[in-house]
Amino acid sequence: MSRITANPKILGGKPVIKGTRISVEFILELLASDVSESEILQDYPHLSKEDISACLRYAANSLKNDIYLELEAA
C-alpha cells in the first residue's frame, strides 16, 4: 500500500493518495457515482490507474475483518 498514506496534518488523517490531498474516500465516491476511471484520470492528470487501484485495494482490505450485525427495523 505504498500509494496510500495517512498523516494527521493532511485532511485530518484520512487516507490519501501519496503526494496529493485526494482522499481514498473521494475516489471511491466518484467511482460509486458512475464516474469512470478514464474520467477521473482526465480530471486529475497527476493520478495514475495504479493510484485508483490502490484506493480500491485499500477499501477492500479495510473491510476484511469487519463484523456485520443484522439490525431490526425501527
N, C-alpha and C. Protein backbone atom coordinates (compact mmCIF):
# COMPACT_ATOMS: atom_id res chain seq x y z
N MET A 1 0.83 -1.19 0.00
CA MET A 1 0.00 0.00 0.00
C MET A 1 0.87 1.25 0.00
N SER A 2 1.91 1.23 -0.77
CA SER A 2 2.83 2.37 -0.76
C SER A 2 2.22 3.61 -1.42
N ARG A 3 1.12 3.47 -2.13
CA ARG A 3 0.50 4.63 -2.79
C ARG A 3 -0.50 5.34 -1.88
N ILE A 4 -0.88 4.71 -0.78
CA ILE A 4 -1.85 5.29 0.15
C ILE A 4 -1.13 5.62 1.45
N THR A 5 -1.39 6.81 1.96
CA THR A 5 -0.76 7.24 3.20
C THR A 5 -1.77 8.00 4.05
N ALA A 6 -1.48 8.14 5.31
CA ALA A 6 -2.33 8.93 6.21
C ALA A 6 -1.41 9.76 7.11
N ASN A 7 -1.75 11.01 7.24
CA ASN A 7 -0.97 11.95 8.05
C ASN A 7 -1.96 12.85 8.77
N PRO A 8 -1.87 12.94 10.10
CA PRO A 8 -2.82 13.77 10.83
C PRO A 8 -2.86 15.23 10.36
N LYS A 9 -1.82 15.68 9.69
CA LYS A 9 -1.76 17.07 9.21
C LYS A 9 -2.40 17.25 7.84
N ILE A 10 -2.79 16.16 7.21
CA ILE A 10 -3.39 16.23 5.88
C ILE A 10 -4.80 15.65 5.96
N LEU A 11 -5.79 16.47 5.67
CA LEU A 11 -7.20 16.06 5.68
C LEU A 11 -7.60 15.36 6.98
N GLY A 12 -7.05 15.81 8.08
CA GLY A 12 -7.41 15.24 9.38
C GLY A 12 -7.01 13.80 9.56
N GLY A 13 -6.04 13.33 8.79
CA GLY A 13 -5.57 11.95 8.92
C GLY A 13 -6.27 10.95 8.04
N LYS A 14 -7.18 11.42 7.17
CA LYS A 14 -7.84 10.48 6.25
C LYS A 14 -6.79 9.87 5.32
N PRO A 15 -7.01 8.63 4.89
CA PRO A 15 -6.10 8.03 3.92
C PRO A 15 -6.19 8.80 2.59
N VAL A 16 -5.04 9.15 2.06
CA VAL A 16 -4.95 9.89 0.80
C VAL A 16 -3.98 9.20 -0.15
N ILE A 17 -4.08 9.56 -1.41
CA ILE A 17 -3.10 9.09 -2.39
C ILE A 17 -1.81 9.85 -2.11
N LYS A 18 -0.75 9.12 -1.94
CA LYS A 18 0.54 9.70 -1.56
C LYS A 18 0.93 10.85 -2.50
N GLY A 19 1.37 11.95 -1.90
CA GLY A 19 1.80 13.11 -2.67
C GLY A 19 0.67 14.01 -3.11
N THR A 20 -0.57 13.70 -2.65
CA THR A 20 -1.73 14.50 -3.03
C THR A 20 -2.55 14.80 -1.78
N ARG A 21 -3.59 15.58 -1.97
CA ARG A 21 -4.58 15.79 -0.93
C ARG A 21 -5.91 15.17 -1.37
N ILE A 22 -5.82 14.16 -2.23
CA ILE A 22 -7.01 13.46 -2.73
C ILE A 22 -7.21 12.21 -1.88
N SER A 23 -8.36 12.18 -1.21
CA SER A 23 -8.61 11.06 -0.29
C SER A 23 -9.11 9.82 -1.02
N VAL A 24 -8.84 8.69 -0.39
CA VAL A 24 -9.38 7.41 -0.88
C VAL A 24 -10.90 7.51 -0.93
N GLU A 25 -11.47 8.09 0.10
CA GLU A 25 -12.93 8.26 0.17
C GLU A 25 -13.47 9.01 -1.05
N PHE A 26 -12.78 10.07 -1.46
CA PHE A 26 -13.22 10.87 -2.61
C PHE A 26 -13.21 10.03 -3.89
N ILE A 27 -12.15 9.28 -4.10
CA ILE A 27 -12.05 8.43 -5.30
C ILE A 27 -13.16 7.38 -5.28
N LEU A 28 -13.41 6.77 -4.12
CA LEU A 28 -14.47 5.77 -4.02
C LEU A 28 -15.84 6.39 -4.29
N GLU A 29 -16.05 7.61 -3.80
CA GLU A 29 -17.33 8.29 -4.06
C GLU A 29 -17.51 8.58 -5.55
N LEU A 30 -16.43 8.97 -6.21
CA LEU A 30 -16.52 9.20 -7.66
C LEU A 30 -16.90 7.92 -8.38
N LEU A 31 -16.19 6.84 -8.07
CA LEU A 31 -16.46 5.56 -8.73
C LEU A 31 -17.89 5.09 -8.43
N ALA A 32 -18.35 5.27 -7.20
CA ALA A 32 -19.70 4.86 -6.83
C ALA A 32 -20.77 5.71 -7.52
N SER A 33 -20.37 6.91 -7.96
CA SER A 33 -21.30 7.81 -8.66
C SER A 33 -21.22 7.63 -10.17
N ASP A 34 -20.66 6.51 -10.60
CA ASP A 34 -20.54 6.17 -12.02
C ASP A 34 -19.60 7.07 -12.81
N VAL A 35 -18.67 7.71 -12.12
CA VAL A 35 -17.61 8.43 -12.83
C VAL A 35 -16.58 7.36 -13.21
N SER A 36 -16.23 7.31 -14.48
CA SER A 36 -15.33 6.26 -14.95
C SER A 36 -13.88 6.56 -14.56
N GLU A 37 -13.09 5.51 -14.55
CA GLU A 37 -11.67 5.66 -14.26
C GLU A 37 -11.02 6.64 -15.24
N SER A 38 -11.38 6.55 -16.50
CA SER A 38 -10.79 7.45 -17.50
C SER A 38 -11.19 8.90 -17.25
N GLU A 39 -12.43 9.13 -16.79
CA GLU A 39 -12.85 10.50 -16.47
C GLU A 39 -12.07 11.04 -15.27
N ILE A 40 -11.84 10.19 -14.26
CA ILE A 40 -11.06 10.62 -13.10
C ILE A 40 -9.65 10.99 -13.54
N LEU A 41 -9.05 10.15 -14.36
CA LEU A 41 -7.69 10.41 -14.82
C LEU A 41 -7.62 11.66 -15.69
N GLN A 42 -8.67 11.94 -16.42
CA GLN A 42 -8.72 13.15 -17.25
C GLN A 42 -8.84 14.40 -16.36
N ASP A 43 -9.68 14.31 -15.32
CA ASP A 43 -9.89 15.44 -14.42
C ASP A 43 -8.72 15.65 -13.46
N TYR A 44 -8.01 14.59 -13.16
CA TYR A 44 -6.87 14.64 -12.23
C TYR A 44 -5.67 13.98 -12.90
N PRO A 45 -5.05 14.68 -13.86
CA PRO A 45 -3.99 14.07 -14.67
C PRO A 45 -2.74 13.66 -13.88
N HIS A 46 -2.60 14.15 -12.67
CA HIS A 46 -1.44 13.76 -11.86
C HIS A 46 -1.66 12.40 -11.19
N LEU A 47 -2.86 11.84 -11.32
CA LEU A 47 -3.13 10.50 -10.79
C LEU A 47 -2.86 9.45 -11.87
N SER A 48 -2.69 8.23 -11.42
CA SER A 48 -2.48 7.12 -12.36
C SER A 48 -3.52 6.03 -12.10
N LYS A 49 -3.62 5.09 -13.04
CA LYS A 49 -4.51 3.95 -12.87
C LYS A 49 -4.14 3.18 -11.61
N GLU A 50 -2.85 3.12 -11.33
CA GLU A 50 -2.37 2.42 -10.14
C GLU A 50 -2.86 3.09 -8.87
N ASP A 51 -2.98 4.42 -8.88
CA ASP A 51 -3.50 5.14 -7.71
C ASP A 51 -4.96 4.75 -7.45
N ILE A 52 -5.74 4.68 -8.51
CA ILE A 52 -7.15 4.30 -8.36
C ILE A 52 -7.27 2.86 -7.88
N SER A 53 -6.47 1.98 -8.44
CA SER A 53 -6.46 0.58 -7.99
C SER A 53 -6.06 0.48 -6.53
N ALA A 54 -5.11 1.30 -6.11
CA ALA A 54 -4.67 1.28 -4.71
C ALA A 54 -5.80 1.71 -3.79
N CYS A 55 -6.62 2.65 -4.23
CA CYS A 55 -7.77 3.07 -3.43
C CYS A 55 -8.75 1.92 -3.26
N LEU A 56 -9.01 1.19 -4.32
CA LEU A 56 -9.92 0.04 -4.25
C LEU A 56 -9.35 -1.06 -3.36
N ARG A 57 -8.05 -1.33 -3.48
CA ARG A 57 -7.42 -2.33 -2.62
C ARG A 57 -7.48 -1.91 -1.16
N TYR A 58 -7.24 -0.63 -0.90
CA TYR A 58 -7.30 -0.12 0.47
C TYR A 58 -8.69 -0.34 1.05
N ALA A 59 -9.71 0.00 0.29
CA ALA A 59 -11.09 -0.17 0.76
C ALA A 59 -11.40 -1.64 1.01
N ALA A 60 -11.00 -2.50 0.11
CA ALA A 60 -11.25 -3.94 0.26
C ALA A 60 -10.54 -4.47 1.51
N ASN A 61 -9.31 -4.08 1.71
CA ASN A 61 -8.56 -4.54 2.88
C ASN A 61 -9.16 -3.99 4.17
N SER A 62 -9.73 -2.81 4.12
CA SER A 62 -10.32 -2.20 5.30
C SER A 62 -11.55 -2.96 5.77
N LEU A 63 -12.22 -3.64 4.87
CA LEU A 63 -13.46 -4.35 5.20
C LEU A 63 -13.25 -5.82 5.55
N LYS A 64 -12.05 -6.32 5.38
CA LYS A 64 -11.81 -7.76 5.56
C LYS A 64 -12.19 -8.29 6.92
N ASN A 65 -11.92 -7.57 7.98
CA ASN A 65 -12.13 -8.11 9.32
C ASN A 65 -13.31 -7.47 10.05
N ASP A 66 -14.16 -6.79 9.32
CA ASP A 66 -15.33 -6.19 9.95
C ASP A 66 -16.36 -7.26 10.29
N ILE A 67 -17.10 -7.01 11.35
CA ILE A 67 -18.19 -7.89 11.75
C ILE A 67 -19.49 -7.13 11.50
N TYR A 68 -20.41 -7.76 10.82
CA TYR A 68 -21.68 -7.14 10.49
C TYR A 68 -22.79 -7.76 11.30
N LEU A 69 -23.61 -6.93 11.89
CA LEU A 69 -24.74 -7.38 12.68
C LEU A 69 -26.02 -7.03 11.95
N GLU A 70 -26.96 -7.95 11.97
CA GLU A 70 -28.26 -7.66 11.36
C GLU A 70 -29.08 -6.83 12.35
N LEU A 71 -29.57 -5.70 11.88
CA LEU A 71 -30.33 -4.81 12.74
C LEU A 71 -31.81 -4.92 12.40
N GLU A 72 -32.64 -4.79 13.43
CA GLU A 72 -34.07 -4.80 13.22
C GLU A 72 -34.53 -3.42 12.79
N ALA A 73 -35.54 -3.38 11.93
CA ALA A 73 -36.10 -2.10 11.52
C ALA A 73 -36.79 -1.45 12.70
N ALA A 74 -36.65 -0.13 12.79
CA ALA A 74 -37.26 0.60 13.91
C ALA A 74 -38.74 0.77 13.72
